[in-house]
Amino acid sequence: MPIKPGEWLLMDDAYADQMAHRRALIASKGDLVHRISDGAFPAARELLSVTLDDPRSCTRRGIRR
């Protein structure tokens, strides 16, 4: 992995605004925001698993598996 685990998902000053925008998109266009092709699903599942398995990227956000 070119970037060390725990260093590729960082919260910065823009985080709150980005999450507000994300929530608005999901509320208004949820079917488009959550769309994924069948071919991309295995990679998306792997990315989710890697992200949730890294306690440094999840515990700061209050995410629990």
PDB file of N, CA and C in Angstrom:
ATOM      1  N   MET A   1       0.850  -1.167   0.000  1.00  0.00           N
ATOM      2  CA  MET A   1       0.000   0.000   0.000  1.00  0.00           C
ATOM      3  C   MET A   1       0.901   1.237   0.000  1.00  0.00           C
ATOM      4  N   PRO A   2       0.752   2.138  -0.968  1.00  0.00           N
ATOM      5  CA  PRO A   2       1.638   3.301  -1.053  1.00  0.00           C
ATOM      6  C   PRO A   2       1.498   4.283   0.104  1.00  0.00           C
ATOM      7  N   ILE A   3       0.348   4.343   0.718  1.00  0.00           N
ATOM      8  CA  ILE A   3       0.136   5.222   1.867  1.00  0.00           C
ATOM      9  C   ILE A   3      -0.087   4.326   3.069  1.00  0.00           C
ATOM     10  N   LYS A   4       0.557   4.655   4.172  1.00  0.00           N
ATOM     11  CA  LYS A   4       0.447   3.838   5.370  1.00  0.00           C
ATOM     12  C   LYS A   4      -0.986   3.849   5.902  1.00  0.00           C
ATOM     13  N   PRO A   5      -1.432   2.708   6.424  1.00  0.00           N
ATOM     14  CA  PRO A   5      -2.758   2.682   7.060  1.00  0.00           C
ATOM     15  C   PRO A   5      -2.836   3.753   8.148  1.00  0.00           C
ATOM     16  N   GLY A   6      -3.973   4.374   8.248  1.00  0.00           N
ATOM     17  CA  GLY A   6      -4.164   5.421   9.241  1.00  0.00           C
ATOM     18  C   GLY A   6      -3.784   6.810   8.750  1.00  0.00           C
ATOM     19  N   GLU A   7      -3.155   6.884   7.574  1.00  0.00           N
ATOM     20  CA  GLU A   7      -2.728   8.182   7.044  1.00  0.00           C
ATOM     21  C   GLU A   7      -3.535   8.621   5.828  1.00  0.00           C
ATOM     22  N   TRP A   8      -4.454   7.828   5.353  1.00  0.00           N
ATOM     23  CA  TRP A   8      -5.142   8.170   4.114  1.00  0.00           C
ATOM     24  C   TRP A   8      -6.564   8.660   4.322  1.00  0.00           C
ATOM     25  N   LEU A   9      -7.096   8.545   5.504  1.00  0.00           N
ATOM     26  CA  LEU A   9      -8.406   9.114   5.817  1.00  0.00           C
ATOM     27  C   LEU A   9      -8.227  10.091   6.966  1.00  0.00           C
ATOM     28  N   LEU A  10      -8.205  11.351   6.636  1.00  0.00           N
ATOM     29  CA  LEU A  10      -7.951  12.369   7.650  1.00  0.00           C
ATOM     30  C   LEU A  10      -9.102  13.366   7.695  1.00  0.00           C
ATOM     31  N   MET A  11      -9.414  13.827   8.889  1.00  0.00           N
ATOM     32  CA  MET A  11     -10.423  14.878   9.045  1.00  0.00           C
ATOM     33  C   MET A  11      -9.694  16.214   9.102  1.00  0.00           C
ATOM     34  N   ASP A  12     -10.149  17.141   8.278  1.00  0.00           N
ATOM     35  CA  ASP A  12      -9.567  18.472   8.299  1.00  0.00           C
ATOM     36  C   ASP A  12     -10.658  19.498   8.586  1.00  0.00           C
ATOM     37  N   ASP A  13     -10.344  20.762   8.406  1.00  0.00           N
ATOM     38  CA  ASP A  13     -11.305  21.827   8.711  1.00  0.00           C
ATOM     39  C   ASP A  13     -12.546  21.789   7.816  1.00  0.00           C
ATOM     40  N   ALA A  14     -12.448  21.155   6.663  1.00  0.00           N
ATOM     41  CA  ALA A  14     -13.577  21.089   5.733  1.00  0.00           C
ATOM     42  C   ALA A  14     -14.531  19.927   6.032  1.00  0.00           C
ATOM     43  N   TYR A  15     -14.179  19.068   6.968  1.00  0.00           N
ATOM     44  CA  TYR A  15     -14.947  17.855   7.227  1.00  0.00           C
ATOM     45  C   TYR A  15     -16.425  18.122   7.517  1.00  0.00           C
ATOM     46  N   ALA A  16     -16.734  19.025   8.406  1.00  0.00           N
ATOM     47  CA  ALA A  16     -18.132  19.283   8.785  1.00  0.00           C
ATOM     48  C   ALA A  16     -18.957  19.748   7.584  1.00  0.00           C
ATOM     49  N   ASP A  17     -18.398  20.651   6.791  1.00  0.00           N
ATOM     50  CA  ASP A  17     -19.112  21.117   5.595  1.00  0.00           C
ATOM     51  C   ASP A  17     -19.283  20.001   4.574  1.00  0.00           C
ATOM     52  N   GLN A  18     -18.260  19.175   4.409  1.00  0.00           N
ATOM     53  CA  GLN A  18     -18.350  18.063   3.466  1.00  0.00           C
ATOM     54  C   GLN A  18     -19.428  17.064   3.895  1.00  0.00           C
ATOM     55  N   MET A  19     -19.503  16.776   5.180  1.00  0.00           N
ATOM     56  CA  MET A  19     -20.507  15.822   5.666  1.00  0.00           C
ATOM     57  C   MET A  19     -21.915  16.409   5.565  1.00  0.00           C
ATOM     58  N   ALA A  20     -22.050  17.722   5.757  1.00  0.00           N
ATOM     59  CA  ALA A  20     -23.358  18.362   5.579  1.00  0.00           C
ATOM     60  C   ALA A  20     -23.790  18.259   4.115  1.00  0.00           C
ATOM     61  N   HIS A  21     -22.861  18.479   3.208  1.00  0.00           N
ATOM     62  CA  HIS A  21     -23.155  18.358   1.776  1.00  0.00           C
ATOM     63  C   HIS A  21     -23.508  16.908   1.430  1.00  0.00           C
ATOM     64  N   ARG A  22     -22.779  15.980   1.996  1.00  0.00           N
ATOM     65  CA  ARG A  22     -23.053  14.555   1.787  1.00  0.00           C
ATOM     66  C   ARG A  22     -24.463  14.197   2.234  1.00  0.00           C
ATOM     67  N   ARG A  23     -24.828  14.652   3.433  1.00  0.00           N
ATOM     68  CA  ARG A  23     -26.176  14.363   3.945  1.00  0.00           C
ATOM     69  C   ARG A  23     -27.255  14.959   3.034  1.00  0.00           C
ATOM     70  N   ALA A  24     -27.011  16.169   2.533  1.00  0.00           N
ATOM     71  CA  ALA A  24     -27.976  16.808   1.637  1.00  0.00           C
ATOM     72  C   ALA A  24     -28.111  16.029   0.326  1.00  0.00           C
ATOM     73  N   LEU A  25     -26.995  15.565  -0.217  1.00  0.00           N
ATOM     74  CA  LEU A  25     -27.047  14.767  -1.450  1.00  0.00           C
ATOM     75  C   LEU A  25     -27.788  13.454  -1.236  1.00  0.00           C
ATOM     76  N   ILE A  26     -27.517  12.793  -0.134  1.00  0.00           N
ATOM     77  CA  ILE A  26     -28.195  11.532   0.156  1.00  0.00           C
ATOM     78  C   ILE A  26     -29.690  11.761   0.314  1.00  0.00           C
ATOM     79  N   ALA A  27     -30.071  12.851   0.970  1.00  0.00           N
ATOM     80  CA  ALA A  27     -31.489  13.141   1.173  1.00  0.00           C
ATOM     81  C   ALA A  27     -32.193  13.475  -0.137  1.00  0.00           C
ATOM     82  N   SER A  28     -31.507  14.179  -1.035  1.00  0.00           N
ATOM     83  CA  SER A  28     -32.165  14.627  -2.260  1.00  0.00           C
ATOM     84  C   SER A  28     -31.961  13.698  -3.459  1.00  0.00           C
ATOM     85  N   LYS A  29     -30.864  12.952  -3.462  1.00  0.00           N
ATOM     86  CA  LYS A  29     -30.539  12.104  -4.619  1.00  0.00           C
ATOM     87  C   LYS A  29     -29.961  10.773  -4.179  1.00  0.00           C
ATOM     88  N   GLY A  30     -30.533  10.206  -3.148  1.00  0.00           N
ATOM     89  CA  GLY A  30     -29.995   8.982  -2.557  1.00  0.00           C
ATOM     90  C   GLY A  30     -29.798   7.846  -3.531  1.00  0.00           C
ATOM     91  N   ASP A  31     -30.725   7.700  -4.490  1.00  0.00           N
ATOM     92  CA  ASP A  31     -30.603   6.600  -5.441  1.00  0.00           C
ATOM     93  C   ASP A  31     -29.385   6.775  -6.353  1.00  0.00           C
ATOM     94  N   LEU A  32     -28.979   7.987  -6.614  1.00  0.00           N
ATOM     95  CA  LEU A  32     -27.783   8.228  -7.427  1.00  0.00           C
ATOM     96  C   LEU A  32     -26.510   8.177  -6.599  1.00  0.00           C
ATOM     97  N   VAL A  33     -26.590   8.654  -5.376  1.00  0.00           N
ATOM     98  CA  VAL A  33     -25.419   8.686  -4.501  1.00  0.00           C
ATOM     99  C   VAL A  33     -24.980   7.266  -4.130  1.00  0.00           C
ATOM    100  N   HIS A  34     -25.911   6.380  -3.938  1.00  0.00           N
ATOM    101  CA  HIS A  34     -25.597   5.024  -3.489  1.00  0.00           C
ATOM    102  C   HIS A  34     -25.567   3.997  -4.610  1.00  0.00           C
ATOM    103  N   ARG A  35     -25.564   4.438  -5.827  1.00  0.00           N
ATOM    104  CA  ARG A  35     -25.551   3.512  -6.966  1.00  0.00           C
ATOM    105  C   ARG A  35     -24.131   2.982  -7.182  1.00  0.00           C
ATOM    106  N   ILE A  36     -24.043   1.680  -7.464  1.00  0.00           N
ATOM    107  CA  ILE A  36     -22.757   1.055  -7.762  1.00  0.00           C
ATOM    108  C   ILE A  36     -23.000  -0.071  -8.759  1.00  0.00           C
ATOM    109  N   SER A  37     -22.087  -0.223  -9.677  1.00  0.00           N
ATOM    110  CA  SER A  37     -22.245  -1.293 -10.668  1.00  0.00           C
ATOM    111  C   SER A  37     -21.886  -2.634 -10.039  1.00  0.00           C
ATOM    112  N   ASP A  38     -22.420  -3.691 -10.604  1.00  0.00           N
ATOM    113  CA  ASP A  38     -22.123  -5.033 -10.094  1.00  0.00           C
ATOM    114  C   ASP A  38     -20.626  -5.324 -10.143  1.00  0.00           C
ATOM    115  N   GLY A  39     -19.956  -4.841 -11.182  1.00  0.00           N
ATOM    116  CA  GLY A  39     -18.527  -5.080 -11.318  1.00  0.00           C
ATOM    117  C   GLY A  39     -17.676  -4.359 -10.287  1.00  0.00           C
ATOM    118  N   ALA A  40     -18.168  -3.237  -9.780  1.00  0.00           N
ATOM    119  CA  ALA A  40     -17.409  -2.453  -8.798  1.00  0.00           C
ATOM    120  C   ALA A  40     -17.693  -2.889  -7.362  1.00  0.00           C
ATOM    121  N   PHE A  41     -18.730  -3.688  -7.173  1.00  0.00           N
ATOM    122  CA  PHE A  41     -19.145  -4.046  -5.810  1.00  0.00           C
ATOM    123  C   PHE A  41     -18.052  -4.771  -5.018  1.00  0.00           C
ATOM    124  N   PRO A  42     -17.343  -5.765  -5.573  1.00  0.00           N
ATOM    125  CA  PRO A  42     -16.295  -6.424  -4.784  1.00  0.00           C
ATOM    126  C   PRO A  42     -15.204  -5.456  -4.310  1.00  0.00           C
ATOM    127  N   ALA A  43     -14.784  -4.542  -5.158  1.00  0.00           N
ATOM    128  CA  ALA A  43     -13.758  -3.576  -4.757  1.00  0.00           C
ATOM    129  C   ALA A  43     -14.284  -2.630  -3.680  1.00  0.00           C
ATOM    130  N   ALA A  44     -15.538  -2.210  -3.801  1.00  0.00           N
ATOM    131  CA  ALA A  44     -16.137  -1.336  -2.795  1.00  0.00           C
ATOM    132  C   ALA A  44     -16.241  -2.048  -1.452  1.00  0.00           C
ATOM    133  N   ARG A  45     -16.612  -3.306  -1.481  1.00  0.00           N
ATOM    134  CA  ARG A  45     -16.695  -4.091  -0.242  1.00  0.00           C
ATOM    135  C   ARG A  45     -15.314  -4.238   0.393  1.00  0.00           C
ATOM    136  N   GLU A  46     -14.293  -4.473  -0.424  1.00  0.00           N
ATOM    137  CA  GLU A  46     -12.931  -4.591   0.090  1.00  0.00           C
ATOM    138  C   GLU A  46     -12.478  -3.271   0.720  1.00  0.00           C
ATOM    139  N   LEU A  47     -12.752  -2.162   0.050  1.00  0.00           N
ATOM    140  CA  LEU A  47     -12.385  -0.849   0.592  1.00  0.00           C
ATOM    141  C   LEU A  47     -13.079  -0.595   1.931  1.00  0.00           C
ATOM    142  N   LEU A  48     -14.350  -0.910   2.016  1.00  0.00           N
ATOM    143  CA  LEU A  48     -15.082  -0.737   3.271  1.00  0.00           C
ATOM    144  C   LEU A  48     -14.459  -1.579   4.374  1.00  0.00           C
ATOM    145  N   SER A  49     -14.131  -2.820   4.060  1.00  0.00           N
ATOM    146  CA  SER A  49     -13.529  -3.711   5.050  1.00  0.00           C
ATOM    147  C   SER A  49     -12.182  -3.187   5.533  1.00  0.00           C
ATOM    148  N   VAL A  50     -11.330  -2.757   4.597  1.00  0.00           N
ATOM    149  CA  VAL A  50     -10.017  -2.220   4.968  1.00  0.00           C
ATOM    150  C   VAL A  50     -10.179  -0.978   5.835  1.00  0.00           C
ATOM    151  N   THR A  51     -11.105  -0.119   5.478  1.00  0.00           N
ATOM    152  CA  THR A  51     -11.343   1.114   6.232  1.00  0.00           C
ATOM    153  C   THR A  51     -11.824   0.807   7.643  1.00  0.00           C
ATOM    154  N   LEU A  52     -12.789  -0.082   7.765  1.00  0.00           N
ATOM    155  CA  LEU A  52     -13.342  -0.385   9.085  1.00  0.00           C
ATOM    156  C   LEU A  52     -12.385  -1.197   9.947  1.00  0.00           C
ATOM    157  N   ASP A  53     -11.452  -1.918   9.321  1.00  0.00           N
ATOM    158  CA  ASP A  53     -10.476  -2.697  10.078  1.00  0.00           C
ATOM    159  C   ASP A  53      -9.356  -1.832  10.642  1.00  0.00           C
ATOM    160  N   ASP A  54      -9.224  -0.589  10.199  1.00  0.00           N
ATOM    161  CA  ASP A  54      -8.165   0.300  10.670  1.00  0.00           C
ATOM    162  C   ASP A  54      -8.707   1.137  11.823  1.00  0.00           C
ATOM    163  N   PRO A  55      -8.354   0.786  13.047  1.00  0.00           N
ATOM    164  CA  PRO A  55      -8.916   1.519  14.195  1.00  0.00           C
ATOM    165  C   PRO A  55      -8.563   2.993  14.199  1.00  0.00           C
ATOM    166  N   ARG A  56      -7.437   3.367  13.591  1.00  0.00           N
ATOM    167  CA  ARG A  56      -7.057   4.786  13.570  1.00  0.00           C
ATOM    168  C   ARG A  56      -7.995   5.604  12.699  1.00  0.00           C
ATOM    169  N   SER A  57      -8.545   5.005  11.656  1.00  0.00           N
ATOM    170  CA  SER A  57      -9.423   5.775  10.784  1.00  0.00           C
ATOM    171  C   SER A  57     -10.860   5.767  11.270  1.00  0.00           C
ATOM    172  N   CYS A  58     -11.206   4.854  12.157  1.00  0.00           N
ATOM    173  CA  CYS A  58     -12.603   4.726  12.576  1.00  0.00           C
ATOM    174  C   CYS A  58     -12.877   5.268  13.970  1.00  0.00           C
ATOM    175  N   THR A  59     -12.012   5.002  14.917  1.00  0.00           N
ATOM    176  CA  THR A  59     -12.328   5.392  16.287  1.00  0.00           C
ATOM    177  C   THR A  59     -12.384   6.904  16.456  1.00  0.00           C
ATOM    178  N   ARG A  60     -11.633   7.654  15.671  1.00  0.00           N
ATOM    179  CA  ARG A  60     -11.695   9.112  15.765  1.00  0.00           C
ATOM    180  C   ARG A  60     -13.029   9.633  15.316  1.00  0.00           C
ATOM    181  N   ARG A  61     -13.734   8.865  14.506  1.00  0.00           N
ATOM    182  CA  ARG A  61     -15.029   9.291  13.983  1.00  0.00           C
ATOM    183  C   ARG A  61     -16.187   8.654  14.743  1.00  0.00           C
ATOM    184  N   GLY A  62     -15.891   7.849  15.737  1.00  0.00           N
ATOM    185  CA  GLY A  62     -16.950   7.197  16.486  1.00  0.00           C
ATOM    186  C   GLY A  62     -17.603   6.059  15.722  1.00  0.00           C
ATOM    187  N   ILE A  63     -16.924   5.532  14.708  1.00  0.00           N
ATOM    188  CA  ILE A  63     -17.464   4.439  13.899  1.00  0.00           C
ATOM    189  C   ILE A  63     -17.122   3.123  14.562  1.00  0.00           C
ATOM    190  N   ARG A  64     -18.086   2.275  14.673  1.00  0.00           N
ATOM    191  CA  ARG A  64     -17.883   0.937  15.222  1.00  0.00           C
ATOM    192  C   ARG A  64     -18.377  -0.077  14.227  1.00  0.00           C
ATOM    193  N   ARG A  65     -17.636  -1.137  14.052  1.00  0.00           N
ATOM    194  CA  ARG A  65     -18.009  -2.181  13.110  1.00  0.00           C
ATOM    195  C   ARG A  65     -19.086  -3.059  13.690  1.00  0.00           C
TER     196      ARG A  65
END
